[in-house]
Amino acid sequence: MSGALLVAVIAAITYGSRAVSLVLLPRPDARFEAVLARIPGPIFAGLAAAMLLTDERSFVAGPTLWAALGALVASPSRSLLVCLIGGAAAYALAVWLG
């Protein structure tokens, strides 16, 4: 299976399952919805922190740290696209500067 096809299948599964849940599941009550709205931040922060450490419990190489910093700087926008662009731009700049 080619890489592009694999990405397309994963995207279809991800967005398809989200679309089905939006259509079929009832809206949660306000209290539960407030709790759900706060969960993604800590989950992403935990995943990002885990990705910044190697198996030897040291930090990863410089460009990856710069990418994380770029995404962190862009995070007040609360837009995933802006954070991805910020991280990618910081990574590219770190690689270019060497």
PDB file of N, CA and C in Angstrom:
ATOM      1  N   MET A   1       0.852  -1.174   0.000  1.00  0.00           N
ATOM      2  CA  MET A   1       0.000   0.000   0.000  1.00  0.00           C
ATOM      3  C   MET A   1       0.898   1.236   0.000  1.00  0.00           C
ATOM      4  N   SER A   2       0.612   2.166  -0.872  1.00  0.00           N
ATOM      5  CA  SER A   2       1.438   3.364  -0.961  1.00  0.00           C
ATOM      6  C   SER A   2       1.175   4.270   0.239  1.00  0.00           C
ATOM      7  N   GLY A   3       2.129   5.167   0.490  1.00  0.00           N
ATOM      8  CA  GLY A   3       2.010   6.080   1.613  1.00  0.00           C
ATOM      9  C   GLY A   3       0.814   7.000   1.497  1.00  0.00           C
ATOM     10  N   ALA A   4       0.571   7.513   0.288  1.00  0.00           N
ATOM     11  CA  ALA A   4      -0.549   8.427   0.081  1.00  0.00           C
ATOM     12  C   ALA A   4      -1.883   7.713   0.303  1.00  0.00           C
ATOM     13  N   LEU A   5      -1.980   6.474  -0.152  1.00  0.00           N
ATOM     14  CA  LEU A   5      -3.210   5.714   0.045  1.00  0.00           C
ATOM     15  C   LEU A   5      -3.436   5.431   1.528  1.00  0.00           C
ATOM     16  N   LEU A   6      -2.372   5.095   2.230  1.00  0.00           N
ATOM     17  CA  LEU A   6      -2.475   4.834   3.665  1.00  0.00           C
ATOM     18  C   LEU A   6      -2.959   6.082   4.408  1.00  0.00           C
ATOM     19  N   VAL A   7      -2.404   7.240   4.082  1.00  0.00           N
ATOM     20  CA  VAL A   7      -2.831   8.491   4.712  1.00  0.00           C
ATOM     21  C   VAL A   7      -4.299   8.770   4.392  1.00  0.00           C
ATOM     22  N   ALA A   8      -4.709   8.520   3.147  1.00  0.00           N
ATOM     23  CA  ALA A   8      -6.101   8.738   2.755  1.00  0.00           C
ATOM     24  C   ALA A   8      -7.049   7.812   3.530  1.00  0.00           C
ATOM     25  N   VAL A   9      -6.660   6.564   3.710  1.00  0.00           N
ATOM     26  CA  VAL A   9      -7.494   5.613   4.457  1.00  0.00           C
ATOM     27  C   VAL A   9      -7.593   6.041   5.922  1.00  0.00           C
ATOM     28  N   ILE A  10      -6.475   6.415   6.514  1.00  0.00           N
ATOM     29  CA  ILE A  10      -6.489   6.857   7.912  1.00  0.00           C
ATOM     30  C   ILE A  10      -7.348   8.106   8.069  1.00  0.00           C
ATOM     31  N   ALA A  11      -7.224   9.059   7.138  1.00  0.00           N
ATOM     32  CA  ALA A  11      -8.041  10.279   7.197  1.00  0.00           C
ATOM     33  C   ALA A  11      -9.520   9.950   7.053  1.00  0.00           C
ATOM     34  N   ALA A  12      -9.853   9.040   6.150  1.00  0.00           N
ATOM     35  CA  ALA A  12     -11.254   8.659   5.955  1.00  0.00           C
ATOM     36  C   ALA A  12     -11.826   8.016   7.210  1.00  0.00           C
ATOM     37  N   ILE A  13     -11.064   7.149   7.851  1.00  0.00           N
ATOM     38  CA  ILE A  13     -11.525   6.513   9.085  1.00  0.00           C
ATOM     39  C   ILE A  13     -11.692   7.554  10.195  1.00  0.00           C
ATOM     40  N   THR A  14     -10.715   8.439  10.331  1.00  0.00           N
ATOM     41  CA  THR A  14     -10.762   9.449  11.386  1.00  0.00           C
ATOM     42  C   THR A  14     -11.950  10.384  11.211  1.00  0.00           C
ATOM     43  N   TYR A  15     -12.042  11.002  10.046  1.00  0.00           N
ATOM     44  CA  TYR A  15     -13.110  11.970   9.836  1.00  0.00           C
ATOM     45  C   TYR A  15     -14.470  11.304   9.648  1.00  0.00           C
ATOM     46  N   GLY A  16     -14.485  10.103   9.085  1.00  0.00           N
ATOM     47  CA  GLY A  16     -15.741   9.378   8.948  1.00  0.00           C
ATOM     48  C   GLY A  16     -16.340   9.027  10.297  1.00  0.00           C
ATOM     49  N   SER A  17     -15.503   8.546  11.219  1.00  0.00           N
ATOM     50  CA  SER A  17     -16.011   8.204  12.549  1.00  0.00           C
ATOM     51  C   SER A  17     -16.489   9.447  13.286  1.00  0.00           C
ATOM     52  N   ARG A  18     -15.808  10.560  13.102  1.00  0.00           N
ATOM     53  CA  ARG A  18     -16.253  11.803  13.750  1.00  0.00           C
ATOM     54  C   ARG A  18     -17.579  12.279  13.164  1.00  0.00           C
ATOM     55  N   ALA A  19     -17.709  12.193  11.853  1.00  0.00           N
ATOM     56  CA  ALA A  19     -18.960  12.627  11.215  1.00  0.00           C
ATOM     57  C   ALA A  19     -20.119  11.753  11.666  1.00  0.00           C
ATOM     58  N   VAL A  20     -19.906  10.447  11.734  1.00  0.00           N
ATOM     59  CA  VAL A  20     -20.968   9.535  12.167  1.00  0.00           C
ATOM     60  C   VAL A  20     -21.355   9.835  13.608  1.00  0.00           C
ATOM     61  N   SER A  21     -20.382  10.087  14.469  1.00  0.00           N
ATOM     62  CA  SER A  21     -20.713  10.374  15.874  1.00  0.00           C
ATOM     63  C   SER A  21     -21.470  11.689  16.003  1.00  0.00           C
ATOM     64  N   LEU A  22     -21.149  12.675  15.181  1.00  0.00           N
ATOM     65  CA  LEU A  22     -21.880  13.946  15.234  1.00  0.00           C
ATOM     66  C   LEU A  22     -23.333  13.771  14.800  1.00  0.00           C
ATOM     67  N   VAL A  23     -23.547  12.890  13.855  1.00  0.00           N
ATOM     68  CA  VAL A  23     -24.902  12.689  13.339  1.00  0.00           C
ATOM     69  C   VAL A  23     -25.727  11.789  14.258  1.00  0.00           C
ATOM     70  N   LEU A  24     -25.131  10.718  14.760  1.00  0.00           N
ATOM     71  CA  LEU A  24     -25.897   9.703  15.479  1.00  0.00           C
ATOM     72  C   LEU A  24     -25.977   9.902  16.987  1.00  0.00           C
ATOM     73  N   LEU A  25     -24.958  10.458  17.597  1.00  0.00           N
ATOM     74  CA  LEU A  25     -24.957  10.580  19.056  1.00  0.00           C
ATOM     75  C   LEU A  25     -25.623  11.867  19.502  1.00  0.00           C
ATOM     76  N   PRO A  26     -26.345  11.818  20.628  1.00  0.00           N
ATOM     77  CA  PRO A  26     -26.960  13.054  21.136  1.00  0.00           C
ATOM     78  C   PRO A  26     -25.898  13.974  21.727  1.00  0.00           C
ATOM     79  N   ARG A  27     -26.194  15.250  21.784  1.00  0.00           N
ATOM     80  CA  ARG A  27     -25.288  16.232  22.359  1.00  0.00           C
ATOM     81  C   ARG A  27     -25.206  16.004  23.872  1.00  0.00           C
ATOM     82  N   PRO A  28     -23.984  16.011  24.446  1.00  0.00           N
ATOM     83  CA  PRO A  28     -23.875  15.812  25.896  1.00  0.00           C
ATOM     84  C   PRO A  28     -24.446  17.018  26.647  1.00  0.00           C
ATOM     85  N   ASP A  29     -24.776  16.789  27.915  1.00  0.00           N
ATOM     86  CA  ASP A  29     -25.289  17.914  28.700  1.00  0.00           C
ATOM     87  C   ASP A  29     -24.178  18.933  28.936  1.00  0.00           C
ATOM     88  N   ALA A  30     -24.535  20.120  29.355  1.00  0.00           N
ATOM     89  CA  ALA A  30     -23.592  21.242  29.442  1.00  0.00           C
ATOM     90  C   ALA A  30     -22.430  20.956  30.383  1.00  0.00           C
ATOM     91  N   ARG A  31     -22.697  20.318  31.507  1.00  0.00           N
ATOM     92  CA  ARG A  31     -21.636  20.042  32.487  1.00  0.00           C
ATOM     93  C   ARG A  31     -20.594  19.070  31.918  1.00  0.00           C
ATOM     94  N   PHE A  32     -21.068  17.998  31.297  1.00  0.00           N
ATOM     95  CA  PHE A  32     -20.164  17.015  30.708  1.00  0.00           C
ATOM     96  C   PHE A  32     -19.413  17.610  29.514  1.00  0.00           C
ATOM     97  N   GLU A  33     -20.081  18.456  28.746  1.00  0.00           N
ATOM     98  CA  GLU A  33     -19.449  19.102  27.603  1.00  0.00           C
ATOM     99  C   GLU A  33     -18.314  20.030  28.056  1.00  0.00           C
ATOM    100  N   ALA A  34     -18.489  20.691  29.191  1.00  0.00           N
ATOM    101  CA  ALA A  34     -17.432  21.551  29.726  1.00  0.00           C
ATOM    102  C   ALA A  34     -16.204  20.728  30.112  1.00  0.00           C
ATOM    103  N   VAL A  35     -16.421  19.551  30.667  1.00  0.00           N
ATOM    104  CA  VAL A  35     -15.298  18.666  31.013  1.00  0.00           C
ATOM    105  C   VAL A  35     -14.602  18.190  29.741  1.00  0.00           C
ATOM    106  N   LEU A  36     -15.384  17.776  28.746  1.00  0.00           N
ATOM    107  CA  LEU A  36     -14.805  17.300  27.484  1.00  0.00           C
ATOM    108  C   LEU A  36     -14.003  18.389  26.774  1.00  0.00           C
ATOM    109  N   ALA A  37     -14.441  19.627  26.892  1.00  0.00           N
ATOM    110  CA  ALA A  37     -13.749  20.729  26.223  1.00  0.00           C
ATOM    111  C   ALA A  37     -12.359  20.952  26.796  1.00  0.00           C
ATOM    112  N   ARG A  38     -12.119  20.527  28.032  1.00  0.00           N
ATOM    113  CA  ARG A  38     -10.810  20.745  28.670  1.00  0.00           C
ATOM    114  C   ARG A  38      -9.859  19.561  28.520  1.00  0.00           C
ATOM    115  N   ILE A  39     -10.333  18.456  28.032  1.00  0.00           N
ATOM    116  CA  ILE A  39      -9.497  17.254  27.947  1.00  0.00           C
ATOM    117  C   ILE A  39      -8.431  17.329  26.852  1.00  0.00           C
ATOM    118  N   PRO A  40      -8.706  17.807  25.641  1.00  0.00           N
ATOM    119  CA  PRO A  40      -7.689  17.743  24.584  1.00  0.00           C
ATOM    120  C   PRO A  40      -6.362  18.416  24.925  1.00  0.00           C
ATOM    121  N   GLY A  41      -6.386  19.527  25.603  1.00  0.00           N
ATOM    122  CA  GLY A  41      -5.137  20.217  25.954  1.00  0.00           C
ATOM    123  C   GLY A  41      -4.178  19.346  26.749  1.00  0.00           C
ATOM    124  N   PRO A  42      -4.619  18.791  27.888  1.00  0.00           N
ATOM    125  CA  PRO A  42      -3.714  17.936  28.662  1.00  0.00           C
ATOM    126  C   PRO A  42      -3.276  16.677  27.924  1.00  0.00           C
ATOM    127  N   ILE A  43      -4.162  16.109  27.105  1.00  0.00           N
ATOM    128  CA  ILE A  43      -3.779  14.908  26.359  1.00  0.00           C
ATOM    129  C   ILE A  43      -2.679  15.243  25.361  1.00  0.00           C
ATOM    130  N   PHE A  44      -2.868  16.327  24.599  1.00  0.00           N
ATOM    131  CA  PHE A  44      -1.846  16.712  23.629  1.00  0.00           C
ATOM    132  C   PHE A  44      -0.547  17.112  24.320  1.00  0.00           C
ATOM    133  N   ALA A  45      -0.644  17.774  25.459  1.00  0.00           N
ATOM    134  CA  ALA A  45       0.560  18.154  26.201  1.00  0.00           C
ATOM    135  C   ALA A  45       1.319  16.909  26.664  1.00  0.00           C
ATOM    136  N   GLY A  46       0.591  15.917  27.127  1.00  0.00           N
ATOM    137  CA  GLY A  46       1.245  14.664  27.543  1.00  0.00           C
ATOM    138  C   GLY A  46       1.908  13.945  26.384  1.00  0.00           C
ATOM    139  N   LEU A  47       1.230  13.913  25.237  1.00  0.00           N
ATOM    140  CA  LEU A  47       1.824  13.282  24.051  1.00  0.00           C
ATOM    141  C   LEU A  47       3.058  14.052  23.586  1.00  0.00           C
ATOM    142  N   ALA A  48       2.967  15.369  23.592  1.00  0.00           N
ATOM    143  CA  ALA A  48       4.104  16.182  23.160  1.00  0.00           C
ATOM    144  C   ALA A  48       5.287  16.000  24.099  1.00  0.00           C
ATOM    145  N   ALA A  49       5.033  15.972  25.400  1.00  0.00           N
ATOM    146  CA  ALA A  49       6.122  15.791  26.360  1.00  0.00           C
ATOM    147  C   ALA A  49       6.787  14.427  26.175  1.00  0.00           C
ATOM    148  N   ALA A  50       5.993  13.407  25.913  1.00  0.00           N
ATOM    149  CA  ALA A  50       6.556  12.068  25.704  1.00  0.00           C
ATOM    150  C   ALA A  50       7.416  12.018  24.439  1.00  0.00           C
ATOM    151  N   MET A  51       7.044  12.778  23.432  1.00  0.00           N
ATOM    152  CA  MET A  51       7.790  12.783  22.171  1.00  0.00           C
ATOM    153  C   MET A  51       9.093  13.573  22.265  1.00  0.00           C
ATOM    154  N   LEU A  52       9.262  14.357  23.306  1.00  0.00           N
ATOM    155  CA  LEU A  52      10.470  15.176  23.444  1.00  0.00           C
ATOM    156  C   LEU A  52      11.576  14.469  24.215  1.00  0.00           C
ATOM    157  N   LEU A  53      11.311  13.258  24.675  1.00  0.00           N
ATOM    158  CA  LEU A  53      12.302  12.499  25.424  1.00  0.00           C
ATOM    159  C   LEU A  53      12.686  11.224  24.678  1.00  0.00           C
ATOM    160  N   THR A  54      13.950  10.872  24.766  1.00  0.00           N
ATOM    161  CA  THR A  54      14.436   9.643  24.138  1.00  0.00           C
ATOM    162  C   THR A  54      14.322   8.484  25.122  1.00  0.00           C
ATOM    163  N   ASP A  55      14.694   7.303  24.662  1.00  0.00           N
ATOM    164  CA  ASP A  55      14.675   6.129  25.539  1.00  0.00           C
ATOM    165  C   ASP A  55      15.685   6.262  26.674  1.00  0.00           C
ATOM    166  N   GLU A  56      16.722   7.054  26.467  1.00  0.00           N
ATOM    167  CA  GLU A  56      17.746   7.265  27.494  1.00  0.00           C
ATOM    168  C   GLU A  56      17.374   8.389  28.454  1.00  0.00           C
ATOM    169  N   ARG A  57      16.138   8.872  28.373  1.00  0.00           N
ATOM    170  CA  ARG A  57      15.617   9.947  29.231  1.00  0.00           C
ATOM    171  C   ARG A  57      16.366  11.262  29.061  1.00  0.00           C
ATOM    172  N   SER A  58      16.731  11.546  27.840  1.00  0.00           N
ATOM    173  CA  SER A  58      17.329  12.839  27.508  1.00  0.00           C
ATOM    174  C   SER A  58      16.472  13.478  26.421  1.00  0.00           C
ATOM    175  N   PHE A  59      16.714  14.762  26.188  1.00  0.00           N
ATOM    176  CA  PHE A  59      15.924  15.456  25.179  1.00  0.00           C
ATOM    177  C   PHE A  59      16.324  15.025  23.775  1.00  0.00           C
ATOM    178  N   VAL A  60      15.379  15.131  22.851  1.00  0.00           N
ATOM    179  CA  VAL A  60      15.617  14.797  21.454  1.00  0.00           C
ATOM    180  C   VAL A  60      16.492  15.872  20.813  1.00  0.00           C
ATOM    181  N   ALA A  61      16.826  15.676  19.534  1.00  0.00           N
ATOM    182  CA  ALA A  61      17.707  16.593  18.818  1.00  0.00           C
ATOM    183  C   ALA A  61      17.093  17.994  18.718  1.00  0.00           C
ATOM    184  N   GLY A  62      17.938  18.980  18.466  1.00  0.00           N
ATOM    185  CA  GLY A  62      17.560  20.387  18.428  1.00  0.00           C
ATOM    186  C   GLY A  62      16.367  20.746  17.564  1.00  0.00           C
ATOM    187  N   PRO A  63      16.319  20.331  16.284  1.00  0.00           N
ATOM    188  CA  PRO A  63      15.182  20.740  15.449  1.00  0.00           C
ATOM    189  C   PRO A  63      13.820  20.313  16.007  1.00  0.00           C
ATOM    190  N   THR A  64      13.762  19.161  16.632  1.00  0.00           N
ATOM    191  CA  THR A  64      12.499  18.698  17.198  1.00  0.00           C
ATOM    192  C   THR A  64      12.082  19.573  18.377  1.00  0.00           C
ATOM    193  N   LEU A  65      13.059  19.967  19.194  1.00  0.00           N
ATOM    194  CA  LEU A  65      12.744  20.875  20.300  1.00  0.00           C
ATOM    195  C   LEU A  65      12.268  22.224  19.778  1.00  0.00           C
ATOM    196  N   TRP A  66      12.902  22.712  18.716  1.00  0.00           N
ATOM    197  CA  TRP A  66      12.476  23.981  18.119  1.00  0.00           C
ATOM    198  C   TRP A  66      11.070  23.869  17.538  1.00  0.00           C
ATOM    199  N   ALA A  67      10.744  22.716  16.963  1.00  0.00           N
ATOM    200  CA  ALA A  67       9.393  22.503  16.434  1.00  0.00           C
ATOM    201  C   ALA A  67       8.364  22.561  17.554  1.00  0.00           C
ATOM    202  N   ALA A  68       8.683  21.936  18.671  1.00  0.00           N
ATOM    203  CA  ALA A  68       7.770  21.978  19.818  1.00  0.00           C
ATOM    204  C   ALA A  68       7.604  23.404  20.328  1.00  0.00           C
ATOM    205  N   LEU A  69       8.699  24.140  20.365  1.00  0.00           N
ATOM    206  CA  LEU A  69       8.626  25.532  20.806  1.00  0.00           C
ATOM    207  C   LEU A  69       7.790  26.369  19.836  1.00  0.00           C
ATOM    208  N   GLY A  70       7.967  26.145  18.535  1.00  0.00           N
ATOM    209  CA  GLY A  70       7.174  26.864  17.540  1.00  0.00           C
ATOM    210  C   GLY A  70       5.691  26.581  17.680  1.00  0.00           C
ATOM    211  N   ALA A  71       5.353  25.330  17.935  1.00  0.00           N
ATOM    212  CA  ALA A  71       3.941  24.979  18.136  1.00  0.00           C
ATOM    213  C   ALA A  71       3.417  25.583  19.433  1.00  0.00           C
ATOM    214  N   LEU A  72       4.257  25.603  20.464  1.00  0.00           N
ATOM    215  CA  LEU A  72       3.848  26.185  21.743  1.00  0.00           C
ATOM    216  C   LEU A  72       3.592  27.685  21.614  1.00  0.00           C
ATOM    217  N   VAL A  73       4.445  28.367  20.868  1.00  0.00           N
ATOM    218  CA  VAL A  73       4.262  29.804  20.656  1.00  0.00           C
ATOM    219  C   VAL A  73       2.959  30.070  19.894  1.00  0.00           C
ATOM    220  N   ALA A  74       2.611  29.186  18.968  1.00  0.00           N
ATOM    221  CA  ALA A  74       1.396  29.366  18.175  1.00  0.00           C
ATOM    222  C   ALA A  74       0.140  28.882  18.896  1.00  0.00           C
ATOM    223  N   SER A  75       0.285  28.192  20.012  1.00  0.00           N
ATOM    224  CA  SER A  75      -0.867  27.582  20.679  1.00  0.00           C
ATOM    225  C   SER A  75      -1.925  28.559  21.190  1.00  0.00           C
ATOM    226  N   PRO A  76      -1.604  29.805  21.558  1.00  0.00           N
ATOM    227  CA  PRO A  76      -2.697  30.694  21.982  1.00  0.00           C
ATOM    228  C   PRO A  76      -3.754  30.931  20.900  1.00  0.00           C
ATOM    229  N   SER A  77      -3.425  30.651  19.654  1.00  0.00           N
ATOM    230  CA  SER A  77      -4.419  30.805  18.584  1.00  0.00           C
ATOM    231  C   SER A  77      -5.530  29.772  18.697  1.00  0.00           C
ATOM    232  N   ARG A  78      -5.272  28.669  19.420  1.00  0.00           N
ATOM    233  CA  ARG A  78      -6.218  27.566  19.585  1.00  0.00           C
ATOM    234  C   ARG A  78      -6.639  26.967  18.250  1.00  0.00           C
ATOM    235  N   SER A  79      -5.743  27.046  17.277  1.00  0.00           N
ATOM    236  CA  SER A  79      -6.006  26.473  15.963  1.00  0.00           C
ATOM    237  C   SER A  79      -4.958  25.409  15.693  1.00  0.00           C
ATOM    238  N   LEU A  80      -5.406  24.200  15.411  1.00  0.00           N
ATOM    239  CA  LEU A  80      -4.469  23.126  15.131  1.00  0.00           C
ATOM    240  C   LEU A  80      -3.627  23.444  13.909  1.00  0.00           C
ATOM    241  N   LEU A  81      -4.240  24.009  12.882  1.00  0.00           N
ATOM    242  CA  LEU A  81      -3.507  24.343  11.667  1.00  0.00           C
ATOM    243  C   LEU A  81      -2.405  25.359  11.953  1.00  0.00           C
ATOM    244  N   VAL A  82      -2.700  26.383  12.728  1.00  0.00           N
ATOM    245  CA  VAL A  82      -1.687  27.396  13.056  1.00  0.00           C
ATOM    246  C   VAL A  82      -0.558  26.776  13.872  1.00  0.00           C
ATOM    247  N   CYS A  83      -0.889  25.884  14.801  1.00  0.00           N
ATOM    248  CA  CYS A  83       0.141  25.209  15.599  1.00  0.00           C
ATOM    249  C   CYS A  83       1.019  24.312  14.726  1.00  0.00           C
ATOM    250  N   LEU A  84       0.401  23.594  13.788  1.00  0.00           N
ATOM    251  CA  LEU A  84       1.179  22.750  12.885  1.00  0.00           C
ATOM    252  C   LEU A  84       2.117  23.582  12.021  1.00  0.00           C
ATOM    253  N   ILE A  85       1.610  24.695  11.521  1.00  0.00           N
ATOM    254  CA  ILE A  85       2.445  25.568  10.695  1.00  0.00           C
ATOM    255  C   ILE A  85       3.568  26.168  11.536  1.00  0.00           C
ATOM    256  N   GLY A  86       3.265  26.596  12.743  1.00  0.00           N
ATOM    257  CA  GLY A  86       4.299  27.144  13.627  1.00  0.00           C
ATOM    258  C   GLY A  86       5.382  26.129  13.939  1.00  0.00           C
ATOM    259  N   GLY A  87       4.982  24.900  14.235  1.00  0.00           N
ATOM    260  CA  GLY A  87       5.957  23.852  14.515  1.00  0.00           C
ATOM    261  C   GLY A  87       6.789  23.494  13.296  1.00  0.00           C
ATOM    262  N   ALA A  88       6.141  23.377  12.142  1.00  0.00           N
ATOM    263  CA  ALA A  88       6.869  23.036  10.912  1.00  0.00           C
ATOM    264  C   ALA A  88       7.834  24.152  10.519  1.00  0.00           C
ATOM    265  N   ALA A  89       7.404  25.401  10.688  1.00  0.00           N
ATOM    266  CA  ALA A  89       8.278  26.526  10.350  1.00  0.00           C
ATOM    267  C   ALA A  89       9.491  26.579  11.279  1.00  0.00           C
ATOM    268  N   ALA A  90       9.277  26.350  12.562  1.00  0.00           N
ATOM    269  CA  ALA A  90      10.392  26.351  13.510  1.00  0.00           C
ATOM    270  C   ALA A  90      11.342  25.193  13.226  1.00  0.00           C
ATOM    271  N   TYR A  91      10.805  24.048  12.869  1.00  0.00           N
ATOM    272  CA  TYR A  91      11.651  22.892  12.528  1.00  0.00           C
ATOM    273  C   TYR A  91      12.494  23.199  11.289  1.00  0.00           C
ATOM    274  N   ALA A  92      11.839  23.727  10.264  1.00  0.00           N
ATOM    275  CA  ALA A  92      12.561  24.048   9.029  1.00  0.00           C
ATOM    276  C   ALA A  92      13.642  25.087   9.280  1.00  0.00           C
ATOM    277  N   LEU A  93      13.343  26.079  10.103  1.00  0.00           N
ATOM    278  CA  LEU A  93      14.340  27.101  10.415  1.00  0.00           C
ATOM    279  C   LEU A  93      15.513  26.506  11.192  1.00  0.00           C
ATOM    280  N   ALA A  94      15.236  25.617  12.118  1.00  0.00           N
ATOM    281  CA  ALA A  94      16.304  24.977  12.903  1.00  0.00           C
ATOM    282  C   ALA A  94      17.194  24.107  12.009  1.00  0.00           C
ATOM    283  N   VAL A  95      16.585  23.387  11.079  1.00  0.00           N
ATOM    284  CA  VAL A  95      17.374  22.563  10.153  1.00  0.00           C
ATOM    285  C   VAL A  95      18.210  23.453   9.235  1.00  0.00           C
ATOM    286  N   TRP A  96      17.601  24.527   8.739  1.00  0.00           N
ATOM    287  CA  TRP A  96      18.302  25.426   7.822  1.00  0.00           C
ATOM    288  C   TRP A  96      19.481  26.108   8.518  1.00  0.00           C
ATOM    289  N   LEU A  97      19.291  26.515   9.771  1.00  0.00           N
ATOM    290  CA  LEU A  97      20.376  27.171  10.503  1.00  0.00           C
ATOM    291  C   LEU A  97      21.449  26.182  10.938  1.00  0.00           C
ATOM    292  N   GLY A  98      21.074  24.917  10.956  1.00  0.00           N
ATOM    293  CA  GLY A  98      22.048  23.857  11.173  1.00  0.00           C
ATOM    294  C   GLY A  98      22.432  23.604  12.557  1.00  0.00           C
TER     295      GLY A  98
END
